[in-house]
PDB file of all heavy atoms in Angstrom:
ATOM      1  N   LEU A   1     -44.920  -5.815  10.365  1.00  0.00           N
ATOM      2  CA  LEU A   1     -46.222  -6.494  10.647  1.00  0.00           C
ATOM      3  C   LEU A   1     -47.393  -5.567  10.245  1.00  0.00           C
ATOM      4  O   LEU A   1     -48.395  -6.015   9.653  1.00  0.00           O
ATOM      5  CB  LEU A   1     -46.356  -6.921  12.090  1.00  0.00           C
ATOM      6  CG  LEU A   1     -45.431  -8.040  12.447  1.00  0.00           C
ATOM      7  CD1 LEU A   1     -45.452  -8.229  14.025  1.00  0.00           C
ATOM      8  CD2 LEU A   1     -45.847  -9.378  11.850  1.00  0.00           C
ATOM      9  N   MET A   2     -47.267  -4.289  10.536  1.00  0.00           N
ATOM     10  CA  MET A   2     -48.396  -3.325  10.151  1.00  0.00           C
ATOM     11  C   MET A   2     -48.477  -3.305   8.662  1.00  0.00           C
ATOM     12  O   MET A   2     -49.568  -3.301   8.074  1.00  0.00           O
ATOM     13  CB  MET A   2     -48.035  -1.929  10.724  1.00  0.00           C
ATOM     14  CG  MET A   2     -48.070  -1.872  12.281  1.00  0.00           C
ATOM     15  SD  MET A   2     -49.729  -2.116  12.905  1.00  0.00           S
ATOM     16  CE  MET A   2     -49.431  -1.871  14.633  1.00  0.00           C
ATOM     17  N   LYS A   3     -47.311  -3.242   7.928  1.00  0.00           N
ATOM     18  CA  LYS A   3     -47.394  -3.161   6.477  1.00  0.00           C
ATOM     19  C   LYS A   3     -47.891  -4.474   5.873  1.00  0.00           C
ATOM     20  O   LYS A   3     -48.663  -4.424   4.949  1.00  0.00           O
ATOM     21  CB  LYS A   3     -45.912  -2.949   5.990  1.00  0.00           C
ATOM     22  CG  LYS A   3     -45.764  -2.927   4.479  1.00  0.00           C
ATOM     23  CD  LYS A   3     -46.389  -1.710   3.875  1.00  0.00           C
ATOM     24  CE  LYS A   3     -46.107  -1.704   2.368  1.00  0.00           C
ATOM     25  NZ  LYS A   3     -46.705  -0.476   1.727  1.00  0.00           N
ATOM     26  N   TRP A   4     -47.527  -5.564   6.569  1.00  0.00           N
ATOM     27  CA  TRP A   4     -48.034  -6.867   6.069  1.00  0.00           C
ATOM     28  C   TRP A   4     -49.522  -6.961   6.192  1.00  0.00           C
ATOM     29  O   TRP A   4     -50.218  -7.388   5.274  1.00  0.00           O
ATOM     30  CB  TRP A   4     -47.305  -7.978   6.810  1.00  0.00           C
ATOM     31  CG  TRP A   4     -47.631  -9.387   6.341  1.00  0.00           C
ATOM     32  CD1 TRP A   4     -47.987  -9.760   5.088  1.00  0.00           C
ATOM     33  CD2 TRP A   4     -47.614 -10.584   7.085  1.00  0.00           C
ATOM     34  NE1 TRP A   4     -48.182 -11.086   4.991  1.00  0.00           N
ATOM     35  CE2 TRP A   4     -47.979 -11.656   6.269  1.00  0.00           C
ATOM     36  CE3 TRP A   4     -47.297 -10.883   8.425  1.00  0.00           C
ATOM     37  CZ2 TRP A   4     -48.033 -12.959   6.672  1.00  0.00           C
ATOM     38  CZ3 TRP A   4     -47.387 -12.212   8.895  1.00  0.00           C
ATOM     39  CH2 TRP A   4     -47.747 -13.172   8.012  1.00  0.00           C
ATOM     40  N   GLY A   5     -50.026  -6.565   7.297  1.00  0.00           N
ATOM     41  CA  GLY A   5     -51.492  -6.532   7.514  1.00  0.00           C
ATOM     42  C   GLY A   5     -52.211  -5.679   6.507  1.00  0.00           C
ATOM     43  O   GLY A   5     -53.294  -6.049   5.986  1.00  0.00           O
ATOM     44  N   ALA A   6     -51.604  -4.544   6.205  1.00  0.00           N
ATOM     45  CA  ALA A   6     -52.176  -3.612   5.224  1.00  0.00           C
ATOM     46  C   ALA A   6     -52.145  -4.106   3.744  1.00  0.00           C
ATOM     47  O   ALA A   6     -52.942  -3.635   2.951  1.00  0.00           O
ATOM     48  CB  ALA A   6     -51.478  -2.258   5.302  1.00  0.00           C
ATOM     49  N   THR A   7     -51.270  -5.004   3.494  1.00  0.00           N
ATOM     50  CA  THR A   7     -51.243  -5.616   2.192  1.00  0.00           C
ATOM     51  C   THR A   7     -52.257  -6.784   1.992  1.00  0.00           C
ATOM     52  O   THR A   7     -52.688  -7.106   0.930  1.00  0.00           O
ATOM     53  CB  THR A   7     -49.818  -6.191   1.800  1.00  0.00           C
ATOM     54  OG1 THR A   7     -49.481  -7.195   2.782  1.00  0.00           O
ATOM     55  CG2 THR A   7     -48.770  -5.111   1.875  1.00  0.00           C
ATOM     56  N   LEU A   8     -52.651  -7.296   3.145  1.00  0.00           N
ATOM     57  CA  LEU A   8     -53.628  -8.435   3.048  1.00  0.00           C
ATOM     58  C   LEU A   8     -55.019  -7.867   2.979  1.00  0.00           C
ATOM     59  O   LEU A   8     -55.948  -8.374   2.366  1.00  0.00           O
ATOM     60  CB  LEU A   8     -53.499  -9.283   4.314  1.00  0.00           C
ATOM     61  CG  LEU A   8     -52.139  -9.987   4.410  1.00  0.00           C
ATOM     62  CD1 LEU A   8     -52.087 -10.823   5.670  1.00  0.00           C
ATOM     63  CD2 LEU A   8     -51.910 -10.989   3.231  1.00  0.00           C
ATOM     64  N   GLU A   9     -55.368  -6.778   3.760  1.00  0.00           N
ATOM     65  CA  GLU A   9     -56.649  -6.181   3.810  1.00  0.00           C
ATOM     66  C   GLU A   9     -56.452  -4.648   4.047  1.00  0.00           C
ATOM     67  O   GLU A   9     -55.399  -4.229   4.524  1.00  0.00           O
ATOM     68  CB  GLU A   9     -57.442  -6.758   4.988  1.00  0.00           C
ATOM     69  CG  GLU A   9     -57.838  -8.179   4.810  1.00  0.00           C
ATOM     70  CD  GLU A   9     -58.555  -8.710   6.103  1.00  0.00           C
ATOM     71  OE1 GLU A   9     -58.839  -7.893   6.933  1.00  0.00           O
ATOM     72  OE2 GLU A   9     -58.795  -9.912   6.126  1.00  0.00           O
ATOM     73  N   PRO A  10     -57.441  -3.853   3.662  1.00  0.00           N
ATOM     74  CA  PRO A  10     -57.282  -2.405   3.880  1.00  0.00           C
ATOM     75  C   PRO A  10     -57.217  -2.063   5.357  1.00  0.00           C
ATOM     76  O   PRO A  10     -58.070  -2.529   6.149  1.00  0.00           O
ATOM     77  CB  PRO A  10     -58.607  -1.808   3.335  1.00  0.00           C
ATOM     78  CG  PRO A  10     -59.078  -2.857   2.311  1.00  0.00           C
ATOM     79  CD  PRO A  10     -58.712  -4.172   2.898  1.00  0.00           C
ATOM     80  N   VAL A  11     -56.149  -1.436   5.757  1.00  0.00           N
ATOM     81  CA  VAL A  11     -55.915  -1.057   7.161  1.00  0.00           C
ATOM     82  C   VAL A  11     -55.583   0.483   7.138  1.00  0.00           C
ATOM     83  O   VAL A  11     -54.562   0.832   6.525  1.00  0.00           O
ATOM     84  CB  VAL A  11     -54.780  -1.842   7.783  1.00  0.00           C
ATOM     85  CG1 VAL A  11     -54.541  -1.386   9.262  1.00  0.00           C
ATOM     86  CG2 VAL A  11     -55.094  -3.329   7.839  1.00  0.00           C
ATOM     87  N   SER A  12     -56.344   1.252   7.832  1.00  0.00           N
ATOM     88  CA  SER A  12     -56.025   2.735   7.886  1.00  0.00           C
ATOM     89  C   SER A  12     -54.903   3.041   8.804  1.00  0.00           C
ATOM     90  O   SER A  12     -54.584   2.222   9.669  1.00  0.00           O
ATOM     91  CB  SER A  12     -57.336   3.478   8.260  1.00  0.00           C
ATOM     92  OG  SER A  12     -57.664   3.237   9.667  1.00  0.00           O
ATOM     93  N   ALA A  13     -54.390   4.236   8.621  1.00  0.00           N
ATOM     94  CA  ALA A  13     -53.321   4.691   9.571  1.00  0.00           C
ATOM     95  C   ALA A  13     -53.854   4.779  10.962  1.00  0.00           C
ATOM     96  O   ALA A  13     -53.181   4.448  11.943  1.00  0.00           O
ATOM     97  CB  ALA A  13     -52.813   6.043   9.100  1.00  0.00           C
ATOM     98  N   GLY A  14     -55.128   5.238  11.144  1.00  0.00           N
ATOM     99  CA  GLY A  14     -55.694   5.309  12.491  1.00  0.00           C
ATOM    100  C   GLY A  14     -55.788   3.901  13.150  1.00  0.00           C
ATOM    101  O   GLY A  14     -55.494   3.863  14.393  1.00  0.00           O
ATOM    102  N   GLU A  15     -56.087   2.930  12.355  1.00  0.00           N
ATOM    103  CA  GLU A  15     -56.147   1.542  12.923  1.00  0.00           C
ATOM    104  C   GLU A  15     -54.786   1.081  13.398  1.00  0.00           C
ATOM    105  O   GLU A  15     -54.652   0.438  14.374  1.00  0.00           O
ATOM    106  CB  GLU A  15     -56.740   0.605  11.920  1.00  0.00           C
ATOM    107  CG  GLU A  15     -58.248   0.751  11.663  1.00  0.00           C
ATOM    108  CD  GLU A  15     -58.741  -0.145  10.555  1.00  0.00           C
ATOM    109  OE1 GLU A  15     -58.351   0.034   9.398  1.00  0.00           O
ATOM    110  OE2 GLU A  15     -59.471  -1.110  10.939  1.00  0.00           O
ATOM    111  N   MET A  16     -53.777   1.480  12.589  1.00  0.00           N
ATOM    112  CA  MET A  16     -52.430   1.094  12.928  1.00  0.00           C
ATOM    113  C   MET A  16     -52.002   1.780  14.261  1.00  0.00           C
ATOM    114  O   MET A  16     -51.391   1.056  15.155  1.00  0.00           O
ATOM    115  CB  MET A  16     -51.424   1.486  11.855  1.00  0.00           C
ATOM    116  CG  MET A  16     -51.576   0.708  10.514  1.00  0.00           C
ATOM    117  SD  MET A  16     -50.285   1.226   9.297  1.00  0.00           S
ATOM    118  CE  MET A  16     -50.718   0.152   7.922  1.00  0.00           C
ATOM    119  N   VAL A  17     -52.296   3.064  14.416  1.00  0.00           N
ATOM    120  CA  VAL A  17     -51.981   3.750  15.610  1.00  0.00           C
ATOM    121  C   VAL A  17     -52.739   3.205  16.820  1.00  0.00           C
ATOM    122  O   VAL A  17     -52.108   2.957  17.911  1.00  0.00           O
ATOM    123  CB  VAL A  17     -52.329   5.275  15.495  1.00  0.00           C
ATOM    124  CG1 VAL A  17     -52.171   5.932  16.863  1.00  0.00           C
ATOM    125  CG2 VAL A  17     -51.464   5.888  14.512  1.00  0.00           C
ATOM    126  N   PHE A  18     -54.007   2.855  16.598  1.00  0.00           N
ATOM    127  CA  PHE A  18     -54.792   2.237  17.723  1.00  0.00           C
ATOM    128  C   PHE A  18     -54.242   0.844  18.118  1.00  0.00           C
ATOM    129  O   PHE A  18     -54.120   0.569  19.272  1.00  0.00           O
ATOM    130  CB  PHE A  18     -56.280   2.115  17.261  1.00  0.00           C
ATOM    131  CG  PHE A  18     -57.134   1.548  18.336  1.00  0.00           C
ATOM    132  CD1 PHE A  18     -57.359   2.245  19.546  1.00  0.00           C
ATOM    133  CD2 PHE A  18     -57.793   0.318  18.111  1.00  0.00           C
ATOM    134  CE1 PHE A  18     -58.205   1.685  20.498  1.00  0.00           C
ATOM    135  CE2 PHE A  18     -58.623  -0.161  19.137  1.00  0.00           C
ATOM    136  CZ  PHE A  18     -58.805   0.457  20.295  1.00  0.00           C
ATOM    137  N   SER A  19     -53.849   0.083  17.132  1.00  0.00           N
ATOM    138  CA  SER A  19     -53.342  -1.309  17.464  1.00  0.00           C
ATOM    139  C   SER A  19     -51.997  -1.165  18.170  1.00  0.00           C
ATOM    140  O   SER A  19     -51.734  -1.884  19.145  1.00  0.00           O
ATOM    141  CB  SER A  19     -53.142  -2.057  16.148  1.00  0.00           C
ATOM    142  OG  SER A  19     -54.353  -2.329  15.487  1.00  0.00           O
ATOM    143  N   ARG A  20     -51.167  -0.231  17.717  1.00  0.00           N
ATOM    144  CA  ARG A  20     -49.849  -0.060  18.387  1.00  0.00           C
ATOM    145  C   ARG A  20     -50.008   0.358  19.835  1.00  0.00           C
ATOM    146  O   ARG A  20     -49.343  -0.160  20.667  1.00  0.00           O
ATOM    147  CB  ARG A  20     -49.073   1.032  17.635  1.00  0.00           C
ATOM    148  CG  ARG A  20     -47.694   1.287  18.282  1.00  0.00           C
ATOM    149  CD  ARG A  20     -47.045   2.510  17.639  1.00  0.00           C
ATOM    150  NE  ARG A  20     -45.644   2.600  18.117  1.00  0.00           N
ATOM    151  CZ  ARG A  20     -45.254   3.302  19.173  1.00  0.00           C
ATOM    152  NH1 ARG A  20     -46.172   3.785  19.978  1.00  0.00           N
ATOM    153  NH2 ARG A  20     -43.986   3.371  19.471  1.00  0.00           N
ATOM    154  N   SER A  21     -50.925   1.280  20.120  1.00  0.00           N
ATOM    155  CA  SER A  21     -51.119   1.771  21.546  1.00  0.00           C
ATOM    156  C   SER A  21     -51.912   0.729  22.328  1.00  0.00           C
ATOM    157  O   SER A  21     -51.557   0.474  23.477  1.00  0.00           O
ATOM    158  CB  SER A  21     -51.812   3.073  21.528  1.00  0.00           C
ATOM    159  OG  SER A  21     -52.977   3.025  20.768  1.00  0.00           O
ATOM    160  N   LEU A  22     -52.926   0.133  21.807  1.00  0.00           N
ATOM    161  CA  LEU A  22     -53.788  -0.753  22.556  1.00  0.00           C
ATOM    162  C   LEU A  22     -53.030  -2.001  23.045  1.00  0.00           C
ATOM    163  O   LEU A  22     -53.105  -2.384  24.225  1.00  0.00           O
ATOM    164  CB  LEU A  22     -55.033  -1.173  21.740  1.00  0.00           C
ATOM    165  CG  LEU A  22     -55.967  -2.207  22.422  1.00  0.00           C
ATOM    166  CD1 LEU A  22     -56.669  -1.552  23.620  1.00  0.00           C
ATOM    167  CD2 LEU A  22     -57.045  -2.659  21.429  1.00  0.00           C
ATOM    168  N   PHE A  23     -52.310  -2.642  22.111  1.00  0.00           N
ATOM    169  CA  PHE A  23     -51.605  -3.870  22.450  1.00  0.00           C
ATOM    170  C   PHE A  23     -50.155  -3.618  23.012  1.00  0.00           C
ATOM    171  O   PHE A  23     -49.592  -4.466  23.612  1.00  0.00           O
ATOM    172  CB  PHE A  23     -51.503  -4.803  21.216  1.00  0.00           C
ATOM    173  CG  PHE A  23     -52.841  -5.243  20.711  1.00  0.00           C
ATOM    174  CD1 PHE A  23     -53.450  -4.599  19.601  1.00  0.00           C
ATOM    175  CD2 PHE A  23     -53.586  -6.219  21.397  1.00  0.00           C
ATOM    176  CE1 PHE A  23     -54.721  -5.036  19.188  1.00  0.00           C
ATOM    177  CE2 PHE A  23     -54.818  -6.633  20.976  1.00  0.00           C
ATOM    178  CZ  PHE A  23     -55.334  -6.037  19.861  1.00  0.00           C
ATOM    179  N   GLY A  24     -49.728  -2.396  22.859  1.00  0.00           N
ATOM    180  CA  GLY A  24     -48.375  -2.062  23.433  1.00  0.00           C
ATOM    181  C   GLY A  24     -48.530  -1.543  24.875  1.00  0.00           C
ATOM    182  O   GLY A  24     -47.620  -1.585  25.659  1.00  0.00           O
TER     183      GLY A  24
END
């Protein structure tokens, strides 16, 4: 899902880490 989101729009590694922790 993180990879899919990054293929649709620019998503930084920091945003991925933040999303993983915030919603997890």
